[in-house]
Amino acid sequence: MQWSLFVLILMGPCSFCLCRLYEYHYVEERKSWDEARKYCRDQYTDLAKVFNMTDMNRLNERKKVEAWIGLRNQSNVNRTWFWSLPGVEFNDSETEWADGEPTDTTSNHENCVFLRNHGWIDSMCSKRYHVICYNETNENKFHLIEGKKTWLEAQSYCRERHTDLVSGPTQLAQLNYEEFNTEIEIELEPVWIGLFRDTWRWSDESSSSFRSWDPEKFKDEDGKRCAMTVSNGKWSSDKCSNTKPFFCYDAEPGCNTTMADEVILINESKTWEQALTYCRENHHELVSITNRQQQRCAEEVAKQATSTHVWTGLRYTCTLGFWFWITDEAVKYDNWEPNGDMDEGDMDECHMSGAMKKSGDYKWSKKDASMKFNFICTRE
């Protein structure tokens, strides 16, 4: 079973928003990470990628479970520096490393950065330091958190209570230590900032730097190289060969206004033949759904149906033994319920037509044509 969700992706802080409409799909079938990626690429665009907390919240609204997403630890890539706050890009020419930094001399990589005396210093992410959070909605943008935390704990804390860890040279240049009401010597004490590096990459090779690791559950171990959501909505990792449900995403545009105007829901329950006659006499035809955009438009109008399903223009021919659209188009794109299409054991069931669920995953299923449902017509 799959669940889909439109996602408005806001890339970066509000000062330079870029909005896109993506669709997430939750697939309950258990597959390995590689099998899940293949399924998503065959059916949609790819395994889900996540740009920011808006994405995470929308994913979590639908399902909080262990499920694969499209992030994988790549052994053949160099570690890359990222800022924690989405939309803030790391630039080598705008660094403020302390003398001799970054060092990265220990056997455990120093992948996180703290600030001391205005200089950046790399450190093991498990170390505990004070924290500076950034809040884009408050008049006071910067908040010193004196309780010492690991870097992941610091990131999680800042995102839950503010916007993120302080990120980027512009924000760091705006820091005024005298505004912090504290007794600690802030310029001499190490404080975490939002700079980190890793070898985790999205399966579609996009450059999104967003990470939402669970500080309690995530262990960056060699044997656990594939990312998954967990029950609290954050992320952990597991062996890629293990099987789990997964999230796909679809980058195709949704139902636009022009396409939406081409279909109409009829809130009357009729048999398939009656629905076909009604559409031809009053509009044009029962709807044919030959691509994902048309599917989305059908989903949008189906939400208002008063029956559990809505008739479409999908019909089965016993003579030739296949499904077809009444507009004579072949069924190349499909959205069948698992085991919901005509199989060899059903070849004698000659009075079947295709109906779509009015909600949930909007899957298609075969129905006896004498059943009565609402239906969708196309306009002239």
Protein backbone atom coordinates (compact mmCIF):
# COMPACT_ATOMS: atom_id res chain seq x y z
CA MET A 1 0.00 0.00 0.00
CA GLN A 2 1.23 3.52 -0.81
CA TRP A 3 0.37 6.90 0.66
CA SER A 4 1.07 10.08 -1.26
CA LEU A 5 1.50 13.61 -0.02
CA PHE A 6 2.09 16.90 -1.80
CA VAL A 7 5.07 18.73 -0.32
CA LEU A 8 5.81 22.43 -0.60
CA ILE A 9 9.58 22.67 -0.33
CA LEU A 10 10.97 25.95 0.93
CA MET A 11 14.66 26.00 0.21
CA GLY A 12 16.61 28.26 2.50
CA PRO A 13 15.72 31.12 4.82
CA CYS A 14 12.77 33.35 3.94
CA SER A 15 15.04 36.02 2.46
CA PHE A 16 15.55 33.83 -0.61
CA CYS A 17 12.74 31.32 -0.82
CA LEU A 18 12.53 28.93 -3.75
CA CYS A 19 9.28 26.99 -3.75
CA ARG A 20 8.69 23.67 -5.49
CA LEU A 21 5.83 21.23 -5.43
CA TYR A 22 6.96 17.66 -4.85
CA GLU A 23 4.91 14.62 -3.99
CA TYR A 24 5.99 12.10 -1.38
CA HIS A 25 4.76 8.49 -1.48
CA TYR A 26 4.91 6.10 1.46
CA VAL A 27 5.23 2.48 0.29
CA GLU A 28 4.50 -0.22 2.85
CA GLU A 29 6.15 -3.06 0.91
CA ARG A 30 9.36 -4.13 2.62
CA LYS A 31 12.44 -3.89 0.43
CA SER A 32 16.18 -3.46 0.82
CA TRP A 33 17.49 0.07 0.23
CA ASP A 34 18.65 -0.81 -3.31
CA GLU A 35 15.34 -2.51 -4.12
CA ALA A 36 13.46 0.50 -2.74
CA ARG A 37 15.53 2.87 -4.86
CA LYS A 38 14.83 0.81 -7.99
CA TYR A 39 11.09 0.77 -7.21
CA CYS A 40 11.02 4.54 -6.67
CA ARG A 41 12.94 5.21 -9.88
CA ASP A 42 10.64 2.89 -11.84
CA GLN A 43 7.40 4.27 -10.40
CA TYR A 44 8.25 7.87 -9.48
CA THR A 45 11.50 9.88 -9.46
CA ASP A 46 13.67 8.45 -6.68
CA LEU A 47 13.86 7.62 -3.00
CA ALA A 48 12.75 10.60 -0.93
CA LYS A 49 15.12 13.50 -0.42
CA VAL A 50 14.53 16.09 2.27
CA PHE A 51 15.52 19.75 1.99
CA ASN A 52 14.46 21.20 5.34
CA MET A 53 12.22 20.96 8.40
CA THR A 54 9.15 21.73 6.29
CA ASP A 55 9.73 18.48 4.42
CA MET A 56 10.37 16.57 7.62
CA ASN A 57 7.16 17.85 9.21
CA ARG A 58 5.06 16.91 6.19
CA LEU A 59 6.57 13.43 6.06
CA ASN A 60 5.93 13.00 9.78
CA GLU A 61 2.32 14.12 9.47
CA ARG A 62 1.65 11.01 7.41
CA LYS A 63 3.86 8.31 8.91
CA LYS A 64 6.36 8.06 11.76
CA VAL A 65 7.90 4.64 11.18
CA GLU A 66 11.17 2.99 10.28
CA ALA A 67 11.32 3.61 6.52
CA TRP A 68 14.11 4.11 4.01
CA ILE A 69 14.85 7.54 2.58
CA GLY A 70 17.31 8.36 -0.19
CA LEU A 71 20.40 9.16 1.90
CA ARG A 72 23.39 6.82 1.81
CA ASN A 73 26.91 6.94 3.19
CA GLN A 74 29.20 6.86 0.16
CA SER A 75 32.63 5.28 0.65
CA ASN A 76 34.05 6.70 -2.58
CA VAL A 77 33.48 10.42 -1.96
CA ASN A 78 35.42 13.01 -0.01
CA ARG A 79 33.96 14.52 3.11
CA THR A 80 32.27 17.81 2.26
CA TRP A 81 31.61 20.79 4.54
CA PHE A 82 28.00 21.89 4.95
CA TRP A 83 26.12 24.44 7.04
CA SER A 84 23.28 23.02 9.10
CA LEU A 85 20.77 25.73 8.11
CA PRO A 86 19.24 24.86 4.70
CA GLY A 87 20.00 27.43 2.01
CA VAL A 88 23.30 28.58 3.52
CA GLU A 89 26.08 27.40 1.21
CA PHE A 90 29.61 26.65 2.35
CA ASN A 91 32.26 28.67 0.51
CA ASP A 92 35.98 27.90 0.93
CA SER A 93 36.85 31.54 0.33
CA GLU A 94 34.71 32.70 3.27
CA THR A 95 36.20 30.68 6.13
CA GLU A 96 37.48 31.84 9.50
CA TRP A 97 39.60 28.88 10.58
CA ALA A 98 41.82 29.35 13.61
CA ASP A 99 45.55 28.99 12.97
CA GLY A 100 46.41 25.46 11.91
CA GLU A 101 42.79 24.40 11.51
CA PRO A 102 41.16 22.22 10.41
CA THR A 103 43.41 19.54 11.93
CA ASP A 104 41.44 16.28 11.85
CA THR A 105 44.40 14.45 13.39
CA THR A 106 42.58 11.86 15.50
CA SER A 107 41.62 8.38 14.39
CA ASN A 108 37.99 9.44 14.78
CA HIS A 109 37.28 12.13 12.21
CA GLU A 110 36.72 15.65 13.50
CA ASN A 111 33.60 16.39 11.51
CA CYS A 112 31.98 19.17 13.56
CA VAL A 113 33.09 22.73 14.26
CA PHE A 114 33.07 24.97 17.32
CA LEU A 115 33.84 28.65 17.66
CA ARG A 116 36.44 30.02 20.07
CA ASN A 117 37.91 33.52 20.09
CA HIS A 118 36.22 34.12 16.70
CA GLY A 119 38.11 31.20 15.10
CA TRP A 120 36.66 27.96 13.75
CA ILE A 121 38.07 24.70 15.16
CA ASP A 122 37.13 21.19 14.06
CA SER A 123 36.31 18.61 16.71
CA MET A 124 34.76 15.20 17.25
CA CYS A 125 30.97 15.62 17.14
CA SER A 126 30.60 13.66 20.39
CA LYS A 127 32.35 16.37 22.43
CA ARG A 128 30.13 18.54 24.64
CA TYR A 129 30.23 22.32 24.32
CA HIS A 130 27.96 25.31 24.74
CA VAL A 131 25.71 26.17 21.80
CA ILE A 132 24.63 29.23 19.81
CA CYS A 133 21.22 28.94 18.13
CA TYR A 134 19.82 31.18 15.40
CA ASN A 135 16.16 32.24 15.31
CA GLU A 136 15.04 33.98 12.12
CA THR A 137 11.63 34.96 13.53
CA ASN A 138 12.76 36.66 16.74
CA GLU A 139 14.04 40.20 17.17
CA ASN A 140 16.91 38.67 19.14
CA LYS A 141 18.38 36.40 16.49
CA PHE A 142 21.07 34.65 18.51
CA HIS A 143 20.68 32.58 21.66
CA LEU A 144 23.49 31.18 23.79
CA ILE A 145 22.67 27.79 25.31
CA GLU A 146 24.96 27.28 28.26
CA GLY A 147 24.16 23.62 28.93
CA LYS A 148 26.82 21.56 27.16
CA LYS A 149 25.67 19.26 24.38
CA THR A 150 27.07 17.07 21.62
CA TRP A 151 26.83 18.59 18.14
CA LEU A 152 23.82 16.45 17.18
CA GLU A 153 22.08 17.30 20.45
CA ALA A 154 22.83 20.97 19.81
CA GLN A 155 21.37 20.82 16.30
CA SER A 156 18.24 19.05 17.50
CA TYR A 157 17.78 21.52 20.37
CA CYS A 158 18.14 24.57 18.12
CA ARG A 159 15.72 23.22 15.53
CA GLU A 160 13.08 22.35 18.11
CA ARG A 161 13.22 25.69 19.94
CA HIS A 162 14.59 28.16 17.39
CA THR A 163 15.48 27.82 13.70
CA ASP A 164 18.86 26.07 13.61
CA LEU A 165 22.45 26.26 14.78
CA VAL A 166 24.05 29.56 13.86
CA SER A 167 25.22 29.06 10.27
CA GLY A 168 27.33 30.94 7.74
CA PRO A 169 29.83 33.81 7.89
CA THR A 170 27.07 36.44 7.65
CA GLN A 171 25.33 35.25 10.79
CA LEU A 172 28.59 34.72 12.65
CA ALA A 173 29.70 38.27 11.81
CA GLN A 174 26.51 39.57 13.42
CA LEU A 175 27.22 37.93 16.78
CA ASN A 176 27.55 40.41 19.64
CA TYR A 177 28.87 38.58 22.67
CA GLU A 178 28.04 41.51 24.96
CA GLU A 179 24.33 40.91 24.34
CA PHE A 180 24.47 37.45 25.95
CA ASN A 181 23.47 37.55 29.61
CA THR A 182 26.03 35.05 30.84
CA GLU A 183 28.83 34.67 33.33
CA ILE A 184 30.91 32.39 31.11
CA GLU A 185 33.76 33.88 29.10
CA ILE A 186 32.00 33.31 25.81
CA GLU A 187 34.92 34.28 23.58
CA LEU A 188 37.23 31.80 25.33
CA GLU A 189 34.77 28.92 25.75
CA PRO A 190 34.11 26.58 22.80
CA VAL A 191 30.57 26.90 21.40
CA TRP A 192 29.11 24.74 18.64
CA ILE A 193 28.21 26.36 15.32
CA GLY A 194 26.35 24.77 12.40
CA LEU A 195 29.35 23.63 10.34
CA PHE A 196 29.85 19.91 9.73
CA ARG A 197 31.14 17.52 7.10
CA ASP A 198 30.20 14.00 6.06
CA THR A 199 30.12 11.49 3.20
CA TRP A 200 26.34 11.02 3.17
CA ARG A 201 24.77 11.74 -0.23
CA TRP A 202 21.26 11.63 -1.69
CA SER A 203 20.53 8.86 -4.17
CA ASP A 204 19.61 11.34 -6.91
CA GLU A 205 22.98 13.11 -6.33
CA SER A 206 21.30 16.36 -5.31
CA SER A 207 23.26 18.72 -3.10
CA SER A 208 20.80 19.09 -0.22
CA SER A 209 22.81 19.33 3.00
CA PHE A 210 19.84 18.75 5.30
CA ARG A 211 20.34 16.08 7.98
CA SER A 212 18.00 15.25 10.86
CA TRP A 213 19.84 12.53 12.79
CA ASP A 214 18.41 11.33 16.10
CA PRO A 215 21.14 12.04 18.69
CA GLU A 216 20.13 8.97 20.69
CA LYS A 217 19.75 6.41 17.88
CA PHE A 218 22.13 7.43 15.11
CA LYS A 219 25.58 5.83 15.08
CA ASP A 220 27.72 6.61 12.04
CA GLU A 221 28.94 3.03 11.68
CA ASP A 222 30.48 1.39 8.61
CA GLY A 223 27.93 -1.41 8.57
CA LYS A 224 24.95 0.95 8.69
CA ARG A 225 25.26 3.03 5.56
CA CYS A 226 21.64 3.72 4.59
CA ALA A 227 19.38 6.31 6.23
CA MET A 228 15.87 5.74 7.52
CA THR A 229 13.20 7.63 9.39
CA VAL A 230 12.36 6.38 12.90
CA SER A 231 9.26 6.47 15.07
CA ASN A 232 9.98 9.90 16.58
CA GLY A 233 10.31 11.50 13.13
CA LYS A 234 14.08 11.87 13.15
CA TRP A 235 16.62 9.70 11.31
CA SER A 236 18.92 6.82 12.03
CA SER A 237 20.74 4.33 9.80
CA ASP A 238 20.82 0.60 9.21
CA LYS A 239 22.35 -2.08 7.02
CA CYS A 240 21.26 -1.45 3.47
CA SER A 241 20.38 -5.13 2.97
CA ASN A 242 17.69 -5.05 5.66
CA THR A 243 14.13 -4.72 4.39
CA LYS A 244 11.82 -1.84 5.35
CA PRO A 245 8.99 0.28 4.00
CA PHE A 246 10.20 3.41 2.24
CA PHE A 247 9.41 6.91 1.03
CA CYS A 248 9.63 7.87 -2.66
CA TYR A 249 9.35 11.35 -4.11
CA ASP A 250 8.00 12.53 -7.43
CA ALA A 251 9.41 15.62 -9.10
CA GLU A 252 6.75 15.90 -11.79
CA PRO A 253 4.46 18.94 -11.51
CA GLY A 254 1.02 18.47 -9.98
CA CYS A 255 -2.42 19.12 -11.37
CA ASN A 256 -2.37 22.59 -12.92
CA THR A 257 -5.39 24.84 -13.29
CA THR A 258 -5.89 24.11 -16.99
CA MET A 259 -5.91 20.35 -16.48
CA ALA A 260 -8.19 20.63 -13.43
CA ASP A 261 -10.75 22.47 -15.55
CA GLU A 262 -10.88 19.53 -17.96
CA VAL A 263 -12.45 17.08 -15.51
CA ILE A 264 -15.60 17.18 -13.39
CA LEU A 265 -16.89 14.94 -10.59
CA ILE A 266 -20.51 13.85 -10.83
CA ASN A 267 -21.91 13.29 -7.34
CA GLU A 268 -24.48 10.78 -8.51
CA SER A 269 -24.10 7.03 -8.05
CA LYS A 270 -24.59 5.09 -11.28
CA THR A 271 -23.49 1.83 -12.86
CA TRP A 272 -20.47 2.02 -15.16
CA GLU A 273 -22.66 1.96 -18.31
CA GLN A 274 -24.96 4.64 -16.88
CA ALA A 275 -21.94 6.77 -15.99
CA LEU A 276 -20.55 6.37 -19.50
CA THR A 277 -23.88 7.42 -21.04
CA TYR A 278 -24.21 10.41 -18.70
CA CYS A 279 -20.73 11.69 -19.55
CA ARG A 280 -21.30 11.35 -23.28
CA GLU A 281 -24.67 13.09 -23.16
CA ASN A 282 -23.72 15.91 -20.79
CA HIS A 283 -19.95 16.37 -21.08
CA HIS A 284 -17.54 14.33 -23.15
CA GLU A 285 -16.29 10.95 -21.84
CA LEU A 286 -15.54 9.04 -18.67
CA VAL A 287 -12.06 10.10 -17.63
CA SER A 288 -8.97 8.35 -18.98
CA ILE A 289 -5.86 8.50 -16.79
CA THR A 290 -2.76 8.00 -18.88
CA ASN A 291 -0.07 9.75 -16.81
CA ARG A 292 0.66 10.88 -13.26
CA GLN A 293 -0.51 14.45 -13.83
CA GLN A 294 -3.95 13.23 -14.94
CA GLN A 295 -3.98 10.89 -11.93
CA ARG A 296 -3.40 13.84 -9.60
CA CYS A 297 -6.19 15.84 -11.18
CA ALA A 298 -8.54 12.88 -10.79
CA GLU A 299 -7.47 12.58 -7.15
CA GLU A 300 -8.24 16.24 -6.51
CA VAL A 301 -11.82 16.03 -7.78
CA ALA A 302 -12.41 12.56 -6.30
CA LYS A 303 -11.94 13.93 -2.77
CA GLN A 304 -15.48 15.36 -2.92
CA ALA A 305 -17.12 12.05 -3.90
CA THR A 306 -19.91 10.60 -1.73
CA SER A 307 -19.11 7.00 -2.72
CA THR A 308 -16.06 4.95 -1.68
CA HIS A 309 -14.84 4.78 -5.30
CA VAL A 310 -15.34 6.71 -8.52
CA TRP A 311 -15.77 5.19 -11.96
CA THR A 312 -13.14 5.87 -14.62
CA GLY A 313 -13.14 5.05 -18.31
CA LEU A 314 -11.22 1.81 -17.72
CA ARG A 315 -12.78 -1.34 -19.17
CA TYR A 316 -11.80 -5.00 -19.57
CA THR A 317 -12.28 -6.91 -22.82
CA CYS A 318 -12.78 -10.65 -22.46
CA THR A 319 -12.36 -11.14 -26.19
CA LEU A 320 -8.81 -9.83 -26.27
CA GLY A 321 -7.98 -10.34 -22.60
CA PHE A 322 -6.69 -6.92 -21.55
CA TRP A 323 -7.71 -3.62 -19.98
CA PHE A 324 -8.17 -0.51 -22.14
CA TRP A 325 -9.39 3.07 -21.89
CA ILE A 326 -12.63 3.87 -23.69
CA THR A 327 -10.69 6.51 -25.64
CA ASP A 328 -8.85 3.50 -27.18
CA GLU A 329 -5.60 4.34 -25.38
CA ALA A 330 -3.49 1.47 -24.04
CA VAL A 331 -2.98 1.19 -20.29
CA LYS A 332 0.70 2.11 -20.12
CA TYR A 333 0.60 4.22 -16.95
CA ASP A 334 -1.28 2.42 -14.17
CA ASN A 335 -2.06 2.79 -10.49
CA TRP A 336 -3.51 -0.61 -9.62
CA GLU A 337 -4.17 -1.76 -6.09
CA PRO A 338 -1.90 -4.77 -5.43
CA ASN A 339 -3.74 -7.75 -6.96
CA GLY A 340 -6.43 -5.32 -8.04
CA ASP A 341 -6.04 -5.74 -11.80
CA MET A 342 -7.25 -8.63 -13.91
CA ASP A 343 -5.06 -11.72 -13.55
CA GLU A 344 -5.26 -15.08 -15.28
CA GLY A 345 -7.66 -16.47 -12.71
CA ASP A 346 -10.20 -13.78 -13.50
CA MET A 347 -10.39 -14.14 -17.27
CA ASP A 348 -14.04 -15.25 -17.13
CA GLU A 349 -15.09 -12.11 -15.25
CA CYS A 350 -16.17 -10.15 -18.29
CA HIS A 351 -18.20 -7.43 -16.65
CA MET A 352 -15.45 -5.57 -14.85
CA SER A 353 -14.60 -1.89 -15.08
CA GLY A 354 -11.97 0.22 -13.35
CA ALA A 355 -12.75 2.40 -10.34
CA MET A 356 -10.48 4.62 -8.24
CA LYS A 357 -10.58 5.11 -4.47
CA LYS A 358 -11.92 8.51 -3.45
CA SER A 359 -9.22 9.03 -0.78
CA GLY A 360 -6.12 7.53 0.84
CA ASP A 361 -3.78 6.19 -1.83
CA TYR A 362 -6.32 6.63 -4.71
CA LYS A 363 -5.51 3.19 -6.09
CA TRP A 364 -7.45 1.61 -8.94
CA SER A 365 -9.31 -1.67 -8.58
CA LYS A 366 -11.54 -3.86 -10.71
CA LYS A 367 -15.22 -3.59 -9.84
CA ASP A 368 -18.37 -5.27 -11.11
CA ALA A 369 -19.76 -2.81 -13.66
CA SER A 370 -23.24 -3.12 -12.12
CA MET A 371 -22.03 -1.49 -8.88
CA LYS A 372 -23.00 2.15 -8.40
CA PHE A 373 -20.40 4.85 -7.76
CA ASN A 374 -19.87 8.55 -8.40
CA PHE A 375 -17.79 9.15 -11.54
CA ILE A 376 -15.48 11.60 -13.30
CA CYS A 377 -16.22 13.00 -16.73
CA THR A 378 -13.95 14.91 -19.07
CA ARG A 379 -15.23 18.14 -20.55
CA GLU A 380 -15.43 19.04 -24.22
